[in-house]
Amino acid sequence: KTKSTHLETKLRRLKKPRCPRSAYAFFCIEARKPNLKVTEEAKLLAEKWRALPDSEKQVYVQRAEEDKRRYHDAMIDWEMCMQQIGNSEILQEYFKNYNVDVAKKRLANQLTQCEESLGG
């Protein structure tokens, strides 16, 4: 197994809170059609989401914001718990990997913006 897979397994065992769901994820849970094939269902849900007026999307956006707050609060509690029981090295490893992923995403976005501004 890779190093990141081992870390994910450790974090799951230590009951790290799940990441918050997006507005689209909440929509998909509610509008799901279990009798369709996965690919058909994904296409149908994407079409419905795109066609949904912003006023109706707002319900899902609000749920996503609430879930984000829940996650933030749960992460603070979890981090404090990890430090109290002596698992600060796992926290350091998690944040090291997290910061690398965030930096990669930011760099990719910056490169895309540069290419767009140059017309390519």
PDB file of N, CA and C in Angstrom:
ATOM      1  N   LYS A   1       0.841  -1.192   0.000  1.00  0.00           N
ATOM      2  CA  LYS A   1       0.000   0.000   0.000  1.00  0.00           C
ATOM      3  C   LYS A   1       0.878   1.245   0.000  1.00  0.00           C
ATOM      4  N   THR A   2       0.319   2.308  -0.520  1.00  0.00           N
ATOM      5  CA  THR A   2       1.068   3.554  -0.545  1.00  0.00           C
ATOM      6  C   THR A   2       1.011   4.223   0.822  1.00  0.00           C
ATOM      7  N   LYS A   3       1.901   5.178   0.993  1.00  0.00           N
ATOM      8  CA  LYS A   3       1.984   5.892   2.257  1.00  0.00           C
ATOM      9  C   LYS A   3       0.677   6.627   2.569  1.00  0.00           C
ATOM     10  N   SER A   4       0.076   7.239   1.541  1.00  0.00           N
ATOM     11  CA  SER A   4      -1.168   7.987   1.765  1.00  0.00           C
ATOM     12  C   SER A   4      -2.325   7.050   2.112  1.00  0.00           C
ATOM     13  N   THR A   5      -2.326   5.842   1.547  1.00  0.00           N
ATOM     14  CA  THR A   5      -3.378   4.875   1.866  1.00  0.00           C
ATOM     15  C   THR A   5      -3.274   4.445   3.325  1.00  0.00           C
ATOM     16  N   HIS A   6      -2.036   4.244   3.797  1.00  0.00           N
ATOM     17  CA  HIS A   6      -1.844   3.899   5.207  1.00  0.00           C
ATOM     18  C   HIS A   6      -2.347   5.024   6.107  1.00  0.00           C
ATOM     19  N   LEU A   7      -2.048   6.252   5.723  1.00  0.00           N
ATOM     20  CA  LEU A   7      -2.495   7.399   6.511  1.00  0.00           C
ATOM     21  C   LEU A   7      -4.018   7.469   6.533  1.00  0.00           C
ATOM     22  N   GLU A   8      -4.660   7.273   5.387  1.00  0.00           N
ATOM     23  CA  GLU A   8      -6.125   7.303   5.323  1.00  0.00           C
ATOM     24  C   GLU A   8      -6.732   6.229   6.221  1.00  0.00           C
ATOM     25  N   THR A   9      -6.123   5.044   6.228  1.00  0.00           N
ATOM     26  CA  THR A   9      -6.604   3.955   7.078  1.00  0.00           C
ATOM     27  C   THR A   9      -6.480   4.337   8.550  1.00  0.00           C
ATOM     28  N   LYS A  10      -5.337   4.914   8.923  1.00  0.00           N
ATOM     29  CA  LYS A  10      -5.136   5.349  10.312  1.00  0.00           C
ATOM     30  C   LYS A  10      -6.177   6.394  10.702  1.00  0.00           C
ATOM     31  N   LEU A  11      -6.389   7.350   9.811  1.00  0.00           N
ATOM     32  CA  LEU A  11      -7.336   8.427  10.105  1.00  0.00           C
ATOM     33  C   LEU A  11      -8.752   7.884  10.264  1.00  0.00           C
ATOM     34  N   ARG A  12      -9.117   6.904   9.440  1.00  0.00           N
ATOM     35  CA  ARG A  12     -10.442   6.285   9.549  1.00  0.00           C
ATOM     36  C   ARG A  12     -10.583   5.578  10.895  1.00  0.00           C
ATOM     37  N   ARG A  13      -9.515   4.844  11.288  1.00  0.00           N
ATOM     38  CA  ARG A  13      -9.546   4.131  12.562  1.00  0.00           C
ATOM     39  C   ARG A  13      -9.649   5.099  13.740  1.00  0.00           C
ATOM     40  N   LEU A  14      -9.038   6.267  13.584  1.00  0.00           N
ATOM     41  CA  LEU A  14      -9.064   7.273  14.644  1.00  0.00           C
ATOM     42  C   LEU A  14     -10.309   8.158  14.571  1.00  0.00           C
ATOM     43  N   LYS A  15     -11.247   7.775  13.706  1.00  0.00           N
ATOM     44  CA  LYS A  15     -12.552   8.435  13.569  1.00  0.00           C
ATOM     45  C   LYS A  15     -12.457   9.914  13.199  1.00  0.00           C
ATOM     46  N   LYS A  16     -11.589  10.209  12.222  1.00  0.00           N
ATOM     47  CA  LYS A  16     -11.507  11.575  11.691  1.00  0.00           C
ATOM     48  C   LYS A  16     -12.848  11.901  11.043  1.00  0.00           C
ATOM     49  N   PRO A  17     -13.380  13.095  11.297  1.00  0.00           N
ATOM     50  CA  PRO A  17     -14.676  13.462  10.701  1.00  0.00           C
ATOM     51  C   PRO A  17     -14.625  13.423   9.175  1.00  0.00           C
ATOM     52  N   ARG A  18     -15.728  13.016   8.583  1.00  0.00           N
ATOM     53  CA  ARG A  18     -15.822  12.997   7.118  1.00  0.00           C
ATOM     54  C   ARG A  18     -15.858  14.420   6.587  1.00  0.00           C
ATOM     55  N   CYS A  19     -15.308  14.587   5.392  1.00  0.00           N
ATOM     56  CA  CYS A  19     -15.310  15.906   4.748  1.00  0.00           C
ATOM     57  C   CYS A  19     -16.742  16.356   4.491  1.00  0.00           C
ATOM     58  N   PRO A  20     -16.959  17.667   4.456  1.00  0.00           N
ATOM     59  CA  PRO A  20     -18.321  18.156   4.224  1.00  0.00           C
ATOM     60  C   PRO A  20     -18.791  17.867   2.805  1.00  0.00           C
ATOM     61  N   ARG A  21     -20.094  17.685   2.671  1.00  0.00           N
ATOM     62  CA  ARG A  21     -20.677  17.443   1.349  1.00  0.00           C
ATOM     63  C   ARG A  21     -20.921  18.769   0.638  1.00  0.00           C
ATOM     64  N   SER A  22     -20.878  18.709  -0.668  1.00  0.00           N
ATOM     65  CA  SER A  22     -21.169  19.895  -1.481  1.00  0.00           C
ATOM     66  C   SER A  22     -22.677  20.016  -1.687  1.00  0.00           C
ATOM     67  N   ALA A  23     -23.092  21.163  -2.204  1.00  0.00           N
ATOM     68  CA  ALA A  23     -24.508  21.373  -2.520  1.00  0.00           C
ATOM     69  C   ALA A  23     -24.970  20.330  -3.536  1.00  0.00           C
ATOM     70  N   TYR A  24     -24.117  20.059  -4.516  1.00  0.00           N
ATOM     71  CA  TYR A  24     -24.450  19.071  -5.544  1.00  0.00           C
ATOM     72  C   TYR A  24     -24.620  17.675  -4.927  1.00  0.00           C
ATOM     73  N   ALA A  25     -23.776  17.336  -3.955  1.00  0.00           N
ATOM     74  CA  ALA A  25     -23.881  16.023  -3.310  1.00  0.00           C
ATOM     75  C   ALA A  25     -25.216  15.886  -2.579  1.00  0.00           C
ATOM     76  N   PHE A  26     -25.628  16.941  -1.878  1.00  0.00           N
ATOM     77  CA  PHE A  26     -26.929  16.897  -1.202  1.00  0.00           C
ATOM     78  C   PHE A  26     -28.063  16.744  -2.211  1.00  0.00           C
ATOM     79  N   PHE A  27     -27.958  17.443  -3.326  1.00  0.00           N
ATOM     80  CA  PHE A  27     -28.965  17.331  -4.384  1.00  0.00           C
ATOM     81  C   PHE A  27     -29.033  15.892  -4.898  1.00  0.00           C
ATOM     82  N   CYS A  28     -27.881  15.296  -5.162  1.00  0.00           N
ATOM     83  CA  CYS A  28     -27.833  13.933  -5.711  1.00  0.00           C
ATOM     84  C   CYS A  28     -28.435  12.915  -4.754  1.00  0.00           C
ATOM     85  N   ILE A  29     -28.183  13.082  -3.472  1.00  0.00           N
ATOM     86  CA  ILE A  29     -28.740  12.165  -2.478  1.00  0.00           C
ATOM     87  C   ILE A  29     -30.267  12.215  -2.521  1.00  0.00           C
ATOM     88  N   GLU A  30     -30.794  13.417  -2.631  1.00  0.00           N
ATOM     89  CA  GLU A  30     -32.245  13.593  -2.620  1.00  0.00           C
ATOM     90  C   GLU A  30     -32.905  13.172  -3.933  1.00  0.00           C
ATOM     91  N   ALA A  31     -32.247  13.443  -5.058  1.00  0.00           N
ATOM     92  CA  ALA A  31     -32.859  13.209  -6.375  1.00  0.00           C
ATOM     93  C   ALA A  31     -32.473  11.865  -6.981  1.00  0.00           C
ATOM     94  N   ARG A  32     -31.831  11.025  -6.229  1.00  0.00           N
ATOM     95  CA  ARG A  32     -31.303   9.759  -6.732  1.00  0.00           C
ATOM     96  C   ARG A  32     -32.397   8.831  -7.267  1.00  0.00           C
ATOM     97  N   LYS A  33     -32.073   8.135  -8.356  1.00  0.00           N
ATOM     98  CA  LYS A  33     -32.961   7.126  -8.950  1.00  0.00           C
ATOM     99  C   LYS A  33     -32.210   5.788  -8.932  1.00  0.00           C
ATOM    100  N   PRO A  34     -32.394   4.986  -7.889  1.00  0.00           N
ATOM    101  CA  PRO A  34     -31.595   3.764  -7.732  1.00  0.00           C
ATOM    102  C   PRO A  34     -31.826   2.689  -8.795  1.00  0.00           C
ATOM    103  N   ASN A  35     -32.896   2.778  -9.552  1.00  0.00           N
ATOM    104  CA  ASN A  35     -33.165   1.738 -10.548  1.00  0.00           C
ATOM    105  C   ASN A  35     -32.409   1.967 -11.858  1.00  0.00           C
ATOM    106  N   LEU A  36     -31.693   3.080 -11.990  1.00  0.00           N
ATOM    107  CA  LEU A  36     -30.927   3.360 -13.207  1.00  0.00           C
ATOM    108  C   LEU A  36     -29.493   2.857 -13.073  1.00  0.00           C
ATOM    109  N   LYS A  37     -28.833   2.679 -14.227  1.00  0.00           N
ATOM    110  CA  LYS A  37     -27.409   2.369 -14.210  1.00  0.00           C
ATOM    111  C   LYS A  37     -26.665   3.591 -13.690  1.00  0.00           C
ATOM    112  N   VAL A  38     -25.498   3.364 -13.123  1.00  0.00           N
ATOM    113  CA  VAL A  38     -24.731   4.445 -12.509  1.00  0.00           C
ATOM    114  C   VAL A  38     -24.431   5.556 -13.510  1.00  0.00           C
ATOM    115  N   THR A  39     -23.995   5.198 -14.712  1.00  0.00           N
ATOM    116  CA  THR A  39     -23.652   6.220 -15.708  1.00  0.00           C
ATOM    117  C   THR A  39     -24.878   7.017 -16.138  1.00  0.00           C
ATOM    118  N   GLU A  40     -25.993   6.316 -16.341  1.00  0.00           N
ATOM    119  CA  GLU A  40     -27.231   7.001 -16.725  1.00  0.00           C
ATOM    120  C   GLU A  40     -27.690   7.942 -15.612  1.00  0.00           C
ATOM    121  N   GLU A  41     -27.613   7.440 -14.389  1.00  0.00           N
ATOM    122  CA  GLU A  41     -28.031   8.240 -13.244  1.00  0.00           C
ATOM    123  C   GLU A  41     -27.158   9.492 -13.103  1.00  0.00           C
ATOM    124  N   ALA A  42     -25.858   9.345 -13.275  1.00  0.00           N
ATOM    125  CA  ALA A  42     -24.940  10.484 -13.162  1.00  0.00           C
ATOM    126  C   ALA A  42     -25.258  11.550 -14.207  1.00  0.00           C
ATOM    127  N   LYS A  43     -25.495  11.119 -15.432  1.00  0.00           N
ATOM    128  CA  LYS A  43     -25.834  12.070 -16.498  1.00  0.00           C
ATOM    129  C   LYS A  43     -27.151  12.783 -16.201  1.00  0.00           C
ATOM    130  N   LEU A  44     -28.145  12.016 -15.783  1.00  0.00           N
ATOM    131  CA  LEU A  44     -29.461  12.580 -15.482  1.00  0.00           C
ATOM    132  C   LEU A  44     -29.385  13.597 -14.341  1.00  0.00           C
ATOM    133  N   LEU A  45     -28.662  13.234 -13.274  1.00  0.00           N
ATOM    134  CA  LEU A  45     -28.533  14.140 -12.135  1.00  0.00           C
ATOM    135  C   LEU A  45     -27.797  15.422 -12.518  1.00  0.00           C
ATOM    136  N   ALA A  46     -26.748  15.284 -13.329  1.00  0.00           N
ATOM    137  CA  ALA A  46     -25.990  16.463 -13.769  1.00  0.00           C
ATOM    138  C   ALA A  46     -26.873  17.394 -14.595  1.00  0.00           C
ATOM    139  N   GLU A  47     -27.671  16.819 -15.488  1.00  0.00           N
ATOM    140  CA  GLU A  47     -28.583  17.629 -16.305  1.00  0.00           C
ATOM    141  C   GLU A  47     -29.611  18.347 -15.429  1.00  0.00           C
ATOM    142  N   LYS A  48     -30.173  17.613 -14.471  1.00  0.00           N
ATOM    143  CA  LYS A  48     -31.169  18.210 -13.576  1.00  0.00           C
ATOM    144  C   LYS A  48     -30.555  19.342 -12.751  1.00  0.00           C
ATOM    145  N   TRP A  49     -29.334  19.126 -12.276  1.00  0.00           N
ATOM    146  CA  TRP A  49     -28.656  20.137 -11.467  1.00  0.00           C
ATOM    147  C   TRP A  49     -28.410  21.411 -12.281  1.00  0.00           C
ATOM    148  N   ARG A  50     -27.947  21.233 -13.512  1.00  0.00           N
ATOM    149  CA  ARG A  50     -27.685  22.394 -14.369  1.00  0.00           C
ATOM    150  C   ARG A  50     -28.973  23.155 -14.680  1.00  0.00           C
ATOM    151  N   ALA A  51     -30.081  22.435 -14.812  1.00  0.00           N
ATOM    152  CA  ALA A  51     -31.363  23.057 -15.153  1.00  0.00           C
ATOM    153  C   ALA A  51     -32.062  23.675 -13.935  1.00  0.00           C
ATOM    154  N   LEU A  52     -31.607  23.323 -12.755  1.00  0.00           N
ATOM    155  CA  LEU A  52     -32.246  23.803 -11.531  1.00  0.00           C
ATOM    156  C   LEU A  52     -32.006  25.308 -11.357  1.00  0.00           C
ATOM    157  N   PRO A  53     -33.057  26.085 -11.112  1.00  0.00           N
ATOM    158  CA  PRO A  53     -32.873  27.529 -10.906  1.00  0.00           C
ATOM    159  C   PRO A  53     -32.066  27.800  -9.628  1.00  0.00           C
ATOM    160  N   ASP A  54     -31.355  28.916  -9.625  1.00  0.00           N
ATOM    161  CA  ASP A  54     -30.525  29.267  -8.469  1.00  0.00           C
ATOM    162  C   ASP A  54     -31.333  29.336  -7.181  1.00  0.00           C
ATOM    163  N   SER A  55     -32.572  29.774  -7.279  1.00  0.00           N
ATOM    164  CA  SER A  55     -33.415  29.876  -6.083  1.00  0.00           C
ATOM    165  C   SER A  55     -33.641  28.502  -5.448  1.00  0.00           C
ATOM    166  N   GLU A  56     -33.775  27.465  -6.275  1.00  0.00           N
ATOM    167  CA  GLU A  56     -33.964  26.108  -5.753  1.00  0.00           C
ATOM    168  C   GLU A  56     -32.639  25.494  -5.310  1.00  0.00           C
ATOM    169  N   LYS A  57     -31.547  25.888  -5.951  1.00  0.00           N
ATOM    170  CA  LYS A  57     -30.222  25.399  -5.546  1.00  0.00           C
ATOM    171  C   LYS A  57     -29.844  25.928  -4.168  1.00  0.00           C
ATOM    172  N   GLN A  58     -30.406  27.077  -3.809  1.00  0.00           N
ATOM    173  CA  GLN A  58     -30.047  27.728  -2.552  1.00  0.00           C
ATOM    174  C   GLN A  58     -30.291  26.821  -1.346  1.00  0.00           C
ATOM    175  N   VAL A  59     -31.316  25.989  -1.396  1.00  0.00           N
ATOM    176  CA  VAL A  59     -31.603  25.046  -0.312  1.00  0.00           C
ATOM    177  C   VAL A  59     -30.406  24.119  -0.104  1.00  0.00           C
ATOM    178  N   TYR A  60     -29.857  23.621  -1.188  1.00  0.00           N
ATOM    179  CA  TYR A  60     -28.727  22.695  -1.118  1.00  0.00           C
ATOM    180  C   TYR A  60     -27.442  23.422  -0.727  1.00  0.00           C
ATOM    181  N   VAL A  61     -27.296  24.658  -1.192  1.00  0.00           N
ATOM    182  CA  VAL A  61     -26.129  25.468  -0.825  1.00  0.00           C
ATOM    183  C   VAL A  61     -26.134  25.710   0.680  1.00  0.00           C
ATOM    184  N   GLN A  62     -27.308  25.979   1.221  1.00  0.00           N
ATOM    185  CA  GLN A  62     -27.434  26.216   2.658  1.00  0.00           C
ATOM    186  C   GLN A  62     -27.078  24.953   3.447  1.00  0.00           C
ATOM    187  N   ARG A  63     -27.551  23.811   2.995  1.00  0.00           N
ATOM    188  CA  ARG A  63     -27.198  22.546   3.656  1.00  0.00           C
ATOM    189  C   ARG A  63     -25.693  22.315   3.620  1.00  0.00           C
ATOM    190  N   ALA A  64     -25.075  22.625   2.480  1.00  0.00           N
ATOM    191  CA  ALA A  64     -23.627  22.447   2.336  1.00  0.00           C
ATOM    192  C   ALA A  64     -22.872  23.359   3.297  1.00  0.00           C
ATOM    193  N   GLU A  65     -23.345  24.590   3.455  1.00  0.00           N
ATOM    194  CA  GLU A  65     -22.707  25.519   4.385  1.00  0.00           C
ATOM    195  C   GLU A  65     -22.837  25.027   5.822  1.00  0.00           C
ATOM    196  N   GLU A  66     -24.005  24.496   6.175  1.00  0.00           N
ATOM    197  CA  GLU A  66     -24.210  23.935   7.513  1.00  0.00           C
ATOM    198  C   GLU A  66     -23.290  22.743   7.736  1.00  0.00           C
ATOM    199  N   ASP A  67     -23.145  21.910   6.711  1.00  0.00           N
ATOM    200  CA  ASP A  67     -22.276  20.742   6.820  1.00  0.00           C
ATOM    201  C   ASP A  67     -20.814  21.166   6.944  1.00  0.00           C
ATOM    202  N   LYS A  68     -20.459  22.237   6.272  1.00  0.00           N
ATOM    203  CA  LYS A  68     -19.095  22.761   6.358  1.00  0.00           C
ATOM    204  C   LYS A  68     -18.799  23.232   7.786  1.00  0.00           C
ATOM    205  N   ARG A  69     -19.771  23.917   8.398  1.00  0.00           N
ATOM    206  CA  ARG A  69     -19.606  24.357   9.794  1.00  0.00           C
ATOM    207  C   ARG A  69     -19.506  23.154  10.731  1.00  0.00           C
ATOM    208  N   ARG A  70     -20.356  22.143  10.488  1.00  0.00           N
ATOM    209  CA  ARG A  70     -20.307  20.933  11.307  1.00  0.00           C
ATOM    210  C   ARG A  70     -18.932  20.297  11.222  1.00  0.00           C
ATOM    211  N   TYR A  71     -18.409  20.199  10.003  1.00  0.00           N
ATOM    212  CA  TYR A  71     -17.100  19.593   9.778  1.00  0.00           C
ATOM    213  C   TYR A  71     -16.008  20.397  10.480  1.00  0.00           C
ATOM    214  N   HIS A  72     -16.065  21.702  10.356  1.00  0.00           N
ATOM    215  CA  HIS A  72     -15.055  22.559  10.975  1.00  0.00           C
ATOM    216  C   HIS A  72     -15.037  22.346  12.489  1.00  0.00           C
ATOM    217  N   ASP A  73     -16.212  22.362  13.117  1.00  0.00           N
ATOM    218  CA  ASP A  73     -16.311  22.153  14.561  1.00  0.00           C
ATOM    219  C   ASP A  73     -15.838  20.757  14.953  1.00  0.00           C
ATOM    220  N   ALA A  74     -16.233  19.759  14.188  1.00  0.00           N
ATOM    221  CA  ALA A  74     -15.835  18.377  14.480  1.00  0.00           C
ATOM    222  C   ALA A  74     -14.325  18.199  14.340  1.00  0.00           C
ATOM    223  N   MET A  75     -13.732  18.871  13.345  1.00  0.00           N
ATOM    224  CA  MET A  75     -12.281  18.769  13.151  1.00  0.00           C
ATOM    225  C   MET A  75     -11.525  19.400  14.315  1.00  0.00           C
ATOM    226  N   ILE A  76     -12.011  20.523  14.818  1.00  0.00           N
ATOM    227  CA  ILE A  76     -11.360  21.155  15.969  1.00  0.00           C
ATOM    228  C   ILE A  76     -11.383  20.202  17.156  1.00  0.00           C
ATOM    229  N   ASP A  77     -12.545  19.611  17.432  1.00  0.00           N
ATOM    230  CA  ASP A  77     -12.663  18.648  18.531  1.00  0.00           C
ATOM    231  C   ASP A  77     -11.753  17.449  18.311  1.00  0.00           C
ATOM    232  N   TRP A  78     -11.734  16.924  17.085  1.00  0.00           N
ATOM    233  CA  TRP A  78     -10.928  15.747  16.771  1.00  0.00           C
ATOM    234  C   TRP A  78      -9.438  16.044  16.931  1.00  0.00           C
ATOM    235  N   GLU A  79      -8.998  17.204  16.446  1.00  0.00           N
ATOM    236  CA  GLU A  79      -7.586  17.571  16.564  1.00  0.00           C
ATOM    237  C   GLU A  79      -7.175  17.685  18.027  1.00  0.00           C
ATOM    238  N   MET A  80      -8.026  18.305  18.849  1.00  0.00           N
ATOM    239  CA  MET A  80      -7.722  18.422  20.276  1.00  0.00           C
ATOM    240  C   MET A  80      -7.638  17.045  20.917  1.00  0.00           C
ATOM    241  N   CYS A  81      -8.553  16.171  20.546  1.00  0.00           N
ATOM    242  CA  CYS A  81      -8.562  14.805  21.074  1.00  0.00           C
ATOM    243  C   CYS A  81      -7.285  14.064  20.680  1.00  0.00           C
ATOM    244  N   MET A  82      -6.866  14.209  19.431  1.00  0.00           N
ATOM    245  CA  MET A  82      -5.652  13.543  18.954  1.00  0.00           C
ATOM    246  C   MET A  82      -4.425  14.025  19.722  1.00  0.00           C
ATOM    247  N   GLN A  83      -4.369  15.310  20.010  1.00  0.00           N
ATOM    248  CA  GLN A  83      -3.240  15.843  20.768  1.00  0.00           C
ATOM    249  C   GLN A  83      -3.265  15.337  22.203  1.00  0.00           C
ATOM    250  N   GLN A  84      -4.456  15.255  22.786  1.00  0.00           N
ATOM    251  CA  GLN A  84      -4.576  14.807  24.172  1.00  0.00           C
ATOM    252  C   GLN A  84      -4.184  13.346  24.343  1.00  0.00           C
ATOM    253  N   ILE A  85      -4.497  12.506  23.357  1.00  0.00           N
ATOM    254  CA  ILE A  85      -4.163  11.082  23.497  1.00  0.00           C
ATOM    255  C   ILE A  85      -2.795  10.751  22.915  1.00  0.00           C
ATOM    256  N   GLY A  86      -2.064  11.783  22.472  1.00  0.00           N
ATOM    257  CA  GLY A  86      -0.685  11.573  22.032  1.00  0.00           C
ATOM    258  C   GLY A  86      -0.519  11.176  20.583  1.00  0.00           C
ATOM    259  N   ASN A  87      -1.436  11.547  19.730  1.00  0.00           N
ATOM    260  CA  ASN A  87      -1.332  11.230  18.301  1.00  0.00           C
ATOM    261  C   ASN A  87      -0.967  12.454  17.469  1.00  0.00           C
ATOM    262  N   SER A  88      -0.146  13.336  18.026  1.00  0.00           N
ATOM    263  CA  SER A  88       0.185  14.564  17.306  1.00  0.00           C
ATOM    264  C   SER A  88       1.012  14.290  16.055  1.00  0.00           C
ATOM    265  N   GLU A  89       1.762  13.162  16.022  1.00  0.00           N
ATOM    266  CA  GLU A  89       2.554  12.846  14.820  1.00  0.00           C
ATOM    267  C   GLU A  89       1.652  12.512  13.635  1.00  0.00           C
ATOM    268  N   ILE A  90       0.510  11.897  13.890  1.00  0.00           N
ATOM    269  CA  ILE A  90      -0.441  11.600  12.817  1.00  0.00           C
ATOM    270  C   ILE A  90      -1.057  12.904  12.306  1.00  0.00           C
ATOM    271  N   LEU A  91      -1.336  13.835  13.227  1.00  0.00           N
ATOM    272  CA  LEU A  91      -1.851  15.144  12.816  1.00  0.00           C
ATOM    273  C   LEU A  91      -0.849  15.863  11.925  1.00  0.00           C
ATOM    274  N   GLN A  92       0.423  15.819  12.308  1.00  0.00           N
ATOM    275  CA  GLN A  92       1.460  16.473  11.508  1.00  0.00           C
ATOM    276  C   GLN A  92       1.538  15.855  10.118  1.00  0.00           C
ATOM    277  N   GLU A  93       1.473  14.534  10.044  1.00  0.00           N
ATOM    278  CA  GLU A  93       1.525  13.844   8.752  1.00  0.00           C
ATOM    279  C   GLU A  93       0.307  14.207   7.899  1.00  0.00           C
ATOM    280  N   TYR A  94      -0.866  14.253   8.539  1.00  0.00           N
ATOM    281  CA  TYR A  94      -2.093  14.605   7.826  1.00  0.00           C
ATOM    282  C   TYR A  94      -1.993  16.015   7.256  1.00  0.00           C
ATOM    283  N   PHE A  95      -1.582  16.976   8.084  1.00  0.00           N
ATOM    284  CA  PHE A  95      -1.518  18.362   7.617  1.00  0.00           C
ATOM    285  C   PHE A  95      -0.418  18.564   6.586  1.00  0.00           C
ATOM    286  N   LYS A  96       0.653  17.799   6.682  1.00  0.00           N
ATOM    287  CA  LYS A  96       1.712  17.880   5.668  1.00  0.00           C
ATOM    288  C   LYS A  96       1.144  17.456   4.316  1.00  0.00           C
ATOM    289  N   ASN A  97       0.456  16.320   4.278  1.00  0.00           N
ATOM    290  CA  ASN A  97      -0.157  15.832   3.034  1.00  0.00           C
ATOM    291  C   ASN A  97      -1.245  16.784   2.558  1.00  0.00           C
ATOM    292  N   TYR A  98      -2.048  17.286   3.482  1.00  0.00           N
ATOM    293  CA  TYR A  98      -3.139  18.196   3.133  1.00  0.00           C
ATOM    294  C   TYR A  98      -2.584  19.466   2.498  1.00  0.00           C
ATOM    295  N   ASN A  99      -1.553  20.037   3.099  1.00  0.00           N
ATOM    296  CA  ASN A  99      -0.972  21.281   2.576  1.00  0.00           C
ATOM    297  C   ASN A  99      -0.349  21.075   1.208  1.00  0.00           C
ATOM    298  N   VAL A 100       0.252  19.912   0.957  1.00  0.00           N
ATOM    299  CA  VAL A 100       0.825  19.615  -0.356  1.00  0.00           C
ATOM    300  C   VAL A 100      -0.286  19.555  -1.399  1.00  0.00           C
ATOM    301  N   ASP A 101      -1.390  18.890  -1.076  1.00  0.00           N
ATOM    302  CA  ASP A 101      -2.522  18.793  -2.005  1.00  0.00           C
ATOM    303  C   ASP A 101      -3.108  20.168  -2.307  1.00  0.00           C
ATOM    304  N   VAL A 102      -3.264  20.991  -1.282  1.00  0.00           N
ATOM    305  CA  VAL A 102      -3.814  22.338  -1.472  1.00  0.00           C
ATOM    306  C   VAL A 102      -2.882  23.159  -2.351  1.00  0.00           C
ATOM    307  N   ALA A 103      -1.579  23.063  -2.095  1.00  0.00           N
ATOM    308  CA  ALA A 103      -0.606  23.819  -2.893  1.00  0.00           C
ATOM    309  C   ALA A 103      -0.643  23.385  -4.360  1.00  0.00           C
ATOM    310  N   LYS A 104      -0.772  22.083  -4.608  1.00  0.00           N
ATOM    311  CA  LYS A 104      -0.844  21.583  -5.985  1.00  0.00           C
ATOM    312  C   LYS A 104      -2.082  22.129  -6.700  1.00  0.00           C
ATOM    313  N   LYS A 105      -3.227  22.130  -6.014  1.00  0.00           N
ATOM    314  CA  LYS A 105      -4.467  22.634  -6.612  1.00  0.00           C
ATOM    315  C   LYS A 105      -4.352  24.122  -6.923  1.00  0.00           C
ATOM    316  N   ARG A 106      -3.775  24.879  -5.991  1.00  0.00           N
ATOM    317  CA  ARG A 106      -3.617  26.323  -6.222  1.00  0.00           C
ATOM    318  C   ARG A 106      -2.707  26.579  -7.412  1.00  0.00           C
ATOM    319  N   LEU A 107      -1.616  25.828  -7.494  1.00  0.00           N
ATOM    320  CA  LEU A 107      -0.680  25.999  -8.600  1.00  0.00           C
ATOM    321  C   LEU A 107      -1.359  25.671  -9.928  1.00  0.00           C
ATOM    322  N   ALA A 108      -2.128  24.590  -9.959  1.00  0.00           N
ATOM    323  CA  ALA A 108      -2.834  24.210 -11.182  1.00  0.00           C
ATOM    324  C   ALA A 108      -3.822  25.304 -11.596  1.00  0.00           C
ATOM    325  N   ASN A 109      -4.535  25.876 -10.627  1.00  0.00           N
ATOM    326  CA  ASN A 109      -5.476  26.965 -10.929  1.00  0.00           C
ATOM    327  C   ASN A 109      -4.751  28.189 -11.466  1.00  0.00           C
ATOM    328  N   GLN A 110      -3.607  28.509 -10.872  1.00  0.00           N
ATOM    329  CA  GLN A 110      -2.836  29.666 -11.333  1.00  0.00           C
ATOM    330  C   GLN A 110      -2.330  29.449 -12.751  1.00  0.00           C
ATOM    331  N   LEU A 111      -1.866  28.230 -13.042  1.00  0.00           N
ATOM    332  CA  LEU A 111      -1.391  27.931 -14.390  1.00  0.00           C
ATOM    333  C   LEU A 111      -2.524  28.049 -15.409  1.00  0.00           C
ATOM    334  N   THR A 112      -3.693  27.556 -15.045  1.00  0.00           N
ATOM    335  CA  THR A 112      -4.854  27.645 -15.931  1.00  0.00           C
ATOM    336  C   THR A 112      -5.217  29.103 -16.198  1.00  0.00           C
ATOM    337  N   GLN A 113      -5.210  29.907 -15.153  1.00  0.00           N
ATOM    338  CA  GLN A 113      -5.529  31.326 -15.309  1.00  0.00           C
ATOM    339  C   GLN A 113      -4.502  32.025 -16.194  1.00  0.00           C
ATOM    340  N   CYS A 114      -3.222  31.680 -16.018  1.00  0.00           N
ATOM    341  CA  CYS A 114      -2.170  32.277 -16.851  1.00  0.00           C
ATOM    342  C   CYS A 114      -2.366  31.902 -18.319  1.00  0.00           C
ATOM    343  N   GLU A 115      -2.664  30.620 -18.556  1.00  0.00           N
ATOM    344  CA  GLU A 115      -2.874  30.160 -19.930  1.00  0.00           C
ATOM    345  C   GLU A 115      -4.067  30.871 -20.561  1.00  0.00           C
ATOM    346  N   GLU A 116      -5.140  31.038 -19.792  1.00  0.00           N
ATOM    347  CA  GLU A 116      -6.332  31.714 -20.308  1.00  0.00           C
ATOM    348  C   GLU A 116      -6.048  33.182 -20.616  1.00  0.00           C
ATOM    349  N   SER A 117      -5.280  33.823 -19.746  1.00  0.00           N
ATOM    350  CA  SER A 117      -4.986  35.242 -19.977  1.00  0.00           C
ATOM    351  C   SER A 117      -4.050  35.441 -21.171  1.00  0.00           C
ATOM    352  N   LEU A 118      -3.238  34.406 -21.461  1.00  0.00           N
ATOM    353  CA  LEU A 118      -2.349  34.480 -22.620  1.00  0.00           C
ATOM    354  C   LEU A 118      -3.047  34.038 -23.900  1.00  0.00           C
ATOM    355  N   GLY A 119      -4.273  33.565 -23.749  1.00  0.00           N
ATOM    356  CA  GLY A 119      -5.050  33.152 -24.922  1.00  0.00           C
ATOM    357  C   GLY A 119      -4.774  31.732 -25.354  1.00  0.00           C
ATOM    358  N   GLY A 120      -4.274  30.903 -24.473  1.00  0.00           N
ATOM    359  CA  GLY A 120      -3.958  29.531 -24.872  1.00  0.00           C
ATOM    360  C   GLY A 120      -4.634  28.581 -24.074  1.00  0.00           C
TER     361      GLY A 120
END
